[in-house]
């Protein structure tokens, strides 16, 4: 078999240059020796500009997300695994089974090919673990100084099973509010890495694919689950405000019931952050019928990604759509929408 290229891609000391996005031989080599090598699957191997596949019976779900995180590598993950988890989770929040992913890369001239390979390997591993192959994609290169290493956009498709209707506009007064685990881990891990902060106990991102946890919840009480949301950018506070606005309701949560690691609380105090607004990448908010709350809680706690799940509050009637919190000191306060951007470039 003849070699496709005169020399192999220099993945140890080489760098991305403009020719890698120019549509010629250099770009073909980058795709073959890096992306195709690690993302390899039957659909991608077709070498077309699109993926052709059969769709199972059910309702089709599609979601897309851009990832611009800084730094590219952080405790508990990197932009590659995050790009997979973020889109898999967005699809899963409809109750769907994620099927396939598409990925678009914006590379900056000068990015070390070793870093790009590390990201691609991580992304491939995350996709394989999630059972959601990357079946099509695109690569572009921008001039040095016009990007920040690499930006990744992922699009995911999935199928919602019959009998499942999960949407942000279905919360009703009396429904229970659950979270799948500790809040703020991802955002604090990013800030610690970005600011080179050291704590006695390591803080790592919670970045993870949640579709198997969601599948277990749907199997146990699918018709009783009304809303799911992953509290990413803007954290728990923003997710609850979004759901309250969509459904035209209010919410009351209990501060003492919100799971949160002691080191995350301490880090937020040092950084001057409210942990309710700090991003998560491996947690979900669930709003369900009150009669199913305890059952769902046990199902969530039985799963590795939900072992710290808790019931944190309830939906109430409120024409203003306020989210209120009973504080640990016995008072109450409004948990409003965030003003500005607490943590830029967090996902």
Protein backbone atom coordinates (compact mmCIF):
# COMPACT_ATOMS: atom_id res chain seq x y z
CA UNK A 1 0.00 0.00 0.00
CA UNK A 2 1.46 3.37 -0.99
CA UNK A 3 1.79 6.14 1.56
CA UNK A 4 -0.76 8.92 1.25
CA UNK A 5 1.70 11.61 2.32
CA UNK A 6 5.45 12.03 1.91
CA UNK A 7 5.99 12.43 5.69
CA UNK A 8 3.87 11.96 8.80
CA UNK A 9 2.30 14.83 10.73
CA UNK A 10 4.72 16.10 13.39
CA UNK A 11 2.54 15.60 16.45
CA UNK A 12 5.38 16.06 18.93
CA UNK A 13 6.77 19.47 18.04
CA UNK A 14 4.70 20.70 15.10
CA UNK A 15 2.15 23.52 15.14
CA UNK A 16 -1.08 24.33 13.37
CA UNK A 17 -0.49 26.63 10.40
CA UNK A 18 -2.82 28.27 7.91
CA UNK A 19 -2.34 25.50 5.37
CA UNK A 20 -4.11 23.11 7.77
CA UNK A 21 -7.32 24.99 7.05
CA UNK A 22 -6.69 25.73 3.38
CA UNK A 23 -8.47 22.76 1.87
CA UNK A 24 -5.32 21.23 0.37
CA UNK A 25 -2.95 18.36 1.11
CA UNK A 26 -1.97 19.68 4.57
CA UNK A 27 -5.60 19.86 5.65
CA UNK A 28 -6.29 16.36 4.30
CA UNK A 29 -3.33 15.06 6.27
CA UNK A 30 -4.49 16.76 9.48
CA UNK A 31 -7.93 15.21 9.06
CA UNK A 32 -6.61 11.74 8.20
CA UNK A 33 -3.80 11.46 10.73
CA UNK A 34 -5.51 13.18 13.66
CA UNK A 35 -9.30 13.45 13.47
CA UNK A 36 -10.11 10.33 11.47
CA UNK A 37 -7.54 8.30 13.35
CA UNK A 38 -9.09 8.99 16.76
CA UNK A 39 -12.76 9.54 15.88
CA UNK A 40 -12.83 6.49 13.57
CA UNK A 41 -16.25 4.92 12.90
CA UNK A 42 -18.18 3.56 9.92
CA UNK A 43 -20.06 6.79 9.20
CA UNK A 44 -17.01 9.04 9.44
CA UNK A 45 -15.07 6.63 7.24
CA UNK A 46 -17.44 7.44 4.36
CA UNK A 47 -15.40 10.66 3.85
CA UNK A 48 -18.45 12.67 2.84
CA UNK A 49 -19.37 16.23 3.87
CA UNK A 50 -22.32 14.82 5.77
CA UNK A 51 -23.30 11.65 7.63
CA UNK A 52 -26.09 9.44 6.32
CA UNK A 53 -27.84 7.27 8.89
CA UNK A 54 -31.20 5.65 9.64
CA UNK A 55 -33.32 7.25 12.36
CA UNK A 56 -35.08 5.01 14.90
CA UNK A 57 -38.79 5.50 15.57
CA UNK A 58 -39.61 8.38 17.88
CA UNK A 59 -39.30 12.16 18.08
CA UNK A 60 -36.06 13.69 16.85
CA UNK A 61 -34.03 16.05 19.07
CA UNK A 62 -31.13 18.26 18.00
CA UNK A 63 -28.93 20.62 20.03
CA UNK A 64 -25.77 22.61 19.31
CA UNK A 65 -23.25 24.25 21.61
CA UNK A 66 -20.03 26.27 21.25
CA UNK A 67 -17.11 25.75 23.63
CA UNK A 68 -14.60 28.55 24.26
CA UNK A 69 -13.26 27.58 27.69
CA UNK A 70 -10.02 28.97 29.10
CA UNK A 71 -7.77 27.23 30.04
CA UNK A 72 -8.09 24.44 27.48
CA UNK A 73 -7.00 21.86 30.08
CA UNK A 74 -8.33 21.93 33.62
CA UNK A 75 -8.60 19.63 36.66
CA UNK A 76 -11.09 16.92 35.72
CA UNK A 77 -11.21 17.49 31.96
CA UNK A 78 -10.43 19.62 28.93
CA UNK A 79 -12.23 21.37 26.09
CA UNK A 80 -12.48 18.09 24.15
CA UNK A 81 -14.34 16.03 26.76
CA UNK A 82 -16.36 19.10 27.71
CA UNK A 83 -17.53 19.55 24.11
CA UNK A 84 -18.90 16.00 24.11
CA UNK A 85 -20.46 16.13 27.57
CA UNK A 86 -22.06 19.54 27.05
CA UNK A 87 -23.97 18.56 23.92
CA UNK A 88 -24.81 15.02 25.06
CA UNK A 89 -26.34 16.57 28.18
CA UNK A 90 -28.33 19.18 26.27
CA UNK A 91 -29.87 16.41 24.17
CA UNK A 92 -30.48 14.24 27.24
CA UNK A 93 -32.36 17.02 29.07
CA UNK A 94 -35.32 16.29 26.78
CA UNK A 95 -35.32 12.69 27.97
CA UNK A 96 -33.75 11.64 24.67
CA UNK A 97 -31.16 9.00 23.96
CA UNK A 98 -28.23 10.78 22.25
CA UNK A 99 -27.26 9.06 19.00
CA UNK A 100 -24.61 11.01 17.07
CA UNK A 101 -22.41 14.10 17.29
CA UNK A 102 -21.00 16.53 14.73
CA UNK A 103 -17.96 18.64 15.60
CA UNK A 104 -16.57 21.90 14.20
CA UNK A 105 -13.05 23.06 15.12
CA UNK A 106 -11.74 26.63 14.88
CA UNK A 107 -7.98 26.33 15.30
CA UNK A 108 -5.56 29.21 15.87
CA UNK A 109 -2.36 29.33 13.86
CA UNK A 110 0.48 28.29 16.17
CA UNK A 111 -1.49 25.85 18.33
CA UNK A 112 0.87 22.97 19.18
CA UNK A 113 -0.22 19.83 17.37
CA UNK A 114 0.56 17.89 20.57
CA UNK A 115 -2.11 19.90 22.40
CA UNK A 116 -4.57 19.38 19.58
CA UNK A 117 -3.94 15.64 19.60
CA UNK A 118 -4.43 15.52 23.38
CA UNK A 119 -7.77 17.30 22.98
CA UNK A 120 -8.89 15.02 20.14
CA UNK A 121 -7.94 11.86 22.06
CA UNK A 122 -9.88 13.09 25.10
CA UNK A 123 -12.86 13.97 22.93
CA UNK A 124 -12.78 10.56 21.23
CA UNK A 125 -12.66 8.79 24.61
CA UNK A 126 -15.59 10.82 25.93
CA UNK A 127 -17.66 10.12 22.81
CA UNK A 128 -16.88 6.41 22.96
CA UNK A 129 -17.77 6.19 26.65
CA UNK A 130 -21.03 8.03 26.00
CA UNK A 131 -21.85 5.81 23.02
CA UNK A 132 -22.27 8.86 20.77
CA UNK A 133 -19.84 8.68 17.83
CA UNK A 134 -18.65 11.83 16.08
CA UNK A 135 -19.83 11.18 12.52
CA UNK A 136 -19.11 14.43 10.67
CA UNK A 137 -17.28 17.69 11.22
CA UNK A 138 -15.36 20.67 9.90
CA UNK A 139 -11.99 22.35 10.53
CA UNK A 140 -11.01 25.98 10.02
CA UNK A 141 -7.80 27.83 10.90
CA UNK A 142 -7.60 31.52 11.83
CA UNK A 143 -4.49 33.72 11.93
CA UNK A 144 -2.34 33.92 15.05
CA UNK A 145 -3.94 36.26 17.57
CA UNK A 146 -7.44 35.88 16.05
CA UNK A 147 -8.43 32.92 18.23
CA UNK A 148 -7.43 31.39 21.54
CA UNK A 149 -5.92 28.02 20.68
CA UNK A 150 -9.07 26.15 19.75
CA UNK A 151 -12.84 26.66 19.82
CA UNK A 152 -15.12 23.66 19.34
CA UNK A 153 -18.77 23.55 18.30
CA UNK A 154 -20.64 20.28 18.73
CA UNK A 155 -24.11 19.36 17.51
CA UNK A 156 -25.93 16.31 18.82
CA UNK A 157 -29.00 14.42 17.71
CA UNK A 158 -31.15 11.99 19.66
CA UNK A 159 -34.51 10.27 19.93
CA UNK A 160 -37.13 10.82 22.64
CA UNK A 161 -39.02 7.64 23.58
CA UNK A 162 -42.79 7.50 23.31
CA UNK A 163 -44.69 8.70 26.37
CA UNK A 164 -41.95 11.10 27.49
CA UNK A 165 -42.64 14.85 27.36
CA UNK A 166 -40.01 16.89 29.18
CA UNK A 167 -39.87 20.64 28.61
CA UNK A 168 -39.02 23.82 30.48
CA UNK A 169 -42.62 25.06 30.33
CA UNK A 170 -44.19 22.16 32.27
CA UNK A 171 -43.46 23.09 35.90
CA UNK A 172 -46.61 23.48 38.02
CA UNK A 173 -47.22 24.62 41.61
CA UNK A 174 -46.68 21.70 43.97
CA UNK A 175 -43.97 20.06 41.88
CA UNK A 176 -40.71 19.12 43.61
CA UNK A 177 -37.26 20.44 42.67
CA UNK A 178 -34.30 18.04 42.75
CA UNK A 179 -30.62 18.36 41.89
CA UNK A 180 -28.37 15.42 41.07
CA UNK A 181 -25.38 16.46 43.19
CA UNK A 182 -23.03 19.12 44.50
CA UNK A 183 -23.15 22.55 42.92
CA UNK A 184 -20.28 24.72 41.64
CA UNK A 185 -17.55 22.11 41.14
CA UNK A 186 -16.82 22.91 37.48
CA UNK A 187 -16.66 26.68 37.77
CA UNK A 188 -14.43 26.62 40.83
CA UNK A 189 -12.09 24.07 39.21
CA UNK A 190 -11.74 26.37 36.18
CA UNK A 191 -11.09 29.45 38.28
CA UNK A 192 -8.57 27.61 40.45
CA UNK A 193 -6.68 26.53 37.34
CA UNK A 194 -6.95 29.93 35.69
CA UNK A 195 -5.74 31.86 38.72
CA UNK A 196 -3.24 29.18 39.83
CA UNK A 197 -4.93 28.85 43.20
CA UNK A 198 -4.02 25.99 45.50
CA UNK A 199 -6.34 24.48 48.09
CA UNK A 200 -5.73 21.82 50.72
CA UNK A 201 -8.23 19.56 48.95
CA UNK A 202 -8.20 19.37 45.16
CA UNK A 203 -11.26 20.65 43.31
CA UNK A 204 -11.97 19.00 39.98
CA UNK A 205 -14.60 19.63 37.34
CA UNK A 206 -17.72 17.49 37.45
CA UNK A 207 -17.80 17.31 33.62
CA UNK A 208 -19.67 14.12 32.69
CA UNK A 209 -22.30 12.76 30.31
CA UNK A 210 -25.65 12.51 32.09
CA UNK A 211 -27.74 10.55 29.56
CA UNK A 212 -27.51 7.23 31.40
CA UNK A 213 -28.66 8.87 34.64
CA UNK A 214 -31.53 10.48 32.74
CA UNK A 215 -32.41 7.13 31.14
CA UNK A 216 -32.66 5.52 34.58
CA UNK A 217 -34.88 8.35 35.79
CA UNK A 218 -37.13 8.14 32.72
CA UNK A 219 -37.42 4.35 33.09
CA UNK A 220 -38.52 4.76 36.70
CA UNK A 221 -40.93 7.67 36.39
CA UNK A 222 -40.85 9.15 32.89
CA UNK A 223 -44.39 10.54 32.87
CA UNK A 224 -43.83 12.24 36.26
CA UNK A 225 -40.71 14.14 35.13
CA UNK A 226 -41.76 17.53 33.78
CA UNK A 227 -38.55 19.56 33.41
CA UNK A 228 -34.85 18.76 33.18
CA UNK A 229 -32.07 21.31 32.88
CA UNK A 230 -28.29 21.13 33.23
CA UNK A 231 -27.20 24.16 35.28
CA UNK A 232 -24.14 25.11 33.26
CA UNK A 233 -23.28 28.76 32.58
CA UNK A 234 -24.96 30.84 35.29
CA UNK A 235 -25.27 27.87 37.62
CA UNK A 236 -28.28 26.69 39.61
CA UNK A 237 -29.69 30.20 40.03
CA UNK A 238 -29.91 30.82 36.30
CA UNK A 239 -31.34 27.37 35.53
CA UNK A 240 -34.14 27.85 38.06
CA UNK A 241 -34.93 31.36 36.81
CA UNK A 242 -35.08 30.07 33.23
CA UNK A 243 -37.52 27.33 34.19
CA UNK A 244 -39.63 29.67 36.32
CA UNK A 245 -39.93 32.12 33.43
CA UNK A 246 -40.74 29.42 30.87
CA UNK A 247 -43.43 27.89 33.07
CA UNK A 248 -44.83 31.12 34.55
CA UNK A 249 -44.34 29.96 38.14
CA UNK A 250 -42.27 30.76 41.22
CA UNK A 251 -39.93 28.54 43.16
CA UNK A 252 -38.78 28.20 46.76
CA UNK A 253 -35.54 26.41 47.56
CA UNK A 254 -33.88 25.62 50.88
CA UNK A 255 -30.23 26.64 51.19
CA UNK A 256 -29.51 23.92 53.77
CA UNK A 257 -30.61 21.21 51.32
CA UNK A 258 -28.43 22.28 48.39
CA UNK A 259 -25.48 19.87 48.20
CA UNK A 260 -22.16 21.66 48.00
CA UNK A 261 -18.61 20.62 48.84
CA UNK A 262 -16.97 22.48 51.72
CA UNK A 263 -13.94 23.32 49.58
CA UNK A 264 -16.18 24.80 46.88
CA UNK A 265 -17.89 27.01 49.46
CA UNK A 266 -14.50 28.09 50.81
CA UNK A 267 -13.13 28.80 47.34
CA UNK A 268 -16.19 30.89 46.48
CA UNK A 269 -15.68 32.94 49.62
CA UNK A 270 -12.04 33.54 48.67
CA UNK A 271 -12.96 34.46 45.09
CA UNK A 272 -15.98 36.56 46.07
CA UNK A 273 -18.42 34.36 44.15
CA UNK A 274 -21.95 33.24 44.93
CA UNK A 275 -21.85 29.45 44.41
CA UNK A 276 -25.46 29.44 43.20
CA UNK A 277 -24.27 31.18 40.03
CA UNK A 278 -21.20 29.00 39.43
CA UNK A 279 -21.29 26.63 36.46
CA UNK A 280 -21.71 22.86 36.58
CA UNK A 281 -21.02 20.41 33.73
CA UNK A 282 -22.13 17.09 35.20
CA UNK A 283 -25.25 17.92 37.20
CA UNK A 284 -28.93 18.32 36.42
CA UNK A 285 -32.04 19.97 37.85
CA UNK A 286 -35.21 17.91 37.81
CA UNK A 287 -38.75 19.16 38.38
CA UNK A 288 -41.19 16.35 38.95
CA UNK A 289 -44.56 15.57 40.50
CA UNK A 290 -44.41 15.59 44.30
CA UNK A 291 -45.64 11.98 44.44
CA UNK A 292 -42.62 10.81 42.43
CA UNK A 293 -39.95 12.90 44.18
CA UNK A 294 -38.79 10.31 46.72
CA UNK A 295 -38.77 7.52 44.11
CA UNK A 296 -36.71 9.62 41.71
CA UNK A 297 -34.37 10.65 44.50
CA UNK A 298 -33.59 7.00 45.26
CA UNK A 299 -33.07 6.23 41.57
CA UNK A 300 -30.69 9.18 41.23
CA UNK A 301 -28.75 8.30 44.38
CA UNK A 302 -28.30 4.73 43.11
CA UNK A 303 -26.41 6.05 40.05
CA UNK A 304 -22.73 7.11 40.35
CA UNK A 305 -23.51 10.55 38.90
CA UNK A 306 -26.41 11.12 41.30
CA UNK A 307 -25.21 9.74 44.61
CA UNK A 308 -25.38 13.20 46.25
CA UNK A 309 -28.82 14.02 44.80
CA UNK A 310 -31.23 15.97 46.97
CA UNK A 311 -34.72 17.46 47.01
CA UNK A 312 -34.05 21.17 47.42
CA UNK A 313 -37.43 22.87 47.09
CA UNK A 314 -40.78 23.17 45.38
CA UNK A 315 -42.60 25.06 42.66
CA UNK A 316 -45.15 27.65 43.82
CA UNK A 317 -47.71 29.93 42.22
CA UNK A 318 -46.15 33.36 41.66
CA UNK A 319 -47.18 35.75 38.92
CA UNK A 320 -43.79 37.49 39.21
CA UNK A 321 -41.86 34.27 38.59
CA UNK A 322 -39.48 34.83 41.51
CA UNK A 323 -37.05 32.20 42.77
CA UNK A 324 -36.79 32.50 46.55
CA UNK A 325 -34.40 30.82 48.95
CA UNK A 326 -34.87 30.03 52.61
CA UNK A 327 -31.44 30.83 54.02
CA UNK A 328 -29.47 28.83 56.56
CA UNK A 329 -30.03 31.69 59.03
CA UNK A 330 -33.81 31.37 58.90
CA UNK A 331 -34.52 34.29 56.58
CA UNK A 332 -35.27 34.40 52.89
CA UNK A 333 -33.91 36.15 49.81
CA UNK A 334 -34.64 36.42 46.13
CA UNK A 335 -32.30 34.40 43.91
CA UNK A 336 -32.35 36.69 40.90
CA UNK A 337 -30.93 36.41 37.40
CA UNK A 338 -27.18 37.08 37.30
CA UNK A 339 -26.03 40.57 36.35
CA UNK A 340 -23.12 40.51 33.93
CA UNK A 341 -20.75 37.55 33.68
CA UNK A 342 -19.31 36.20 36.94
CA UNK A 343 -17.02 33.71 35.22
CA UNK A 344 -16.28 34.36 31.54
CA UNK A 345 -14.98 31.57 29.26
CA UNK A 346 -16.19 28.86 31.66
CA UNK A 347 -17.53 26.37 29.11
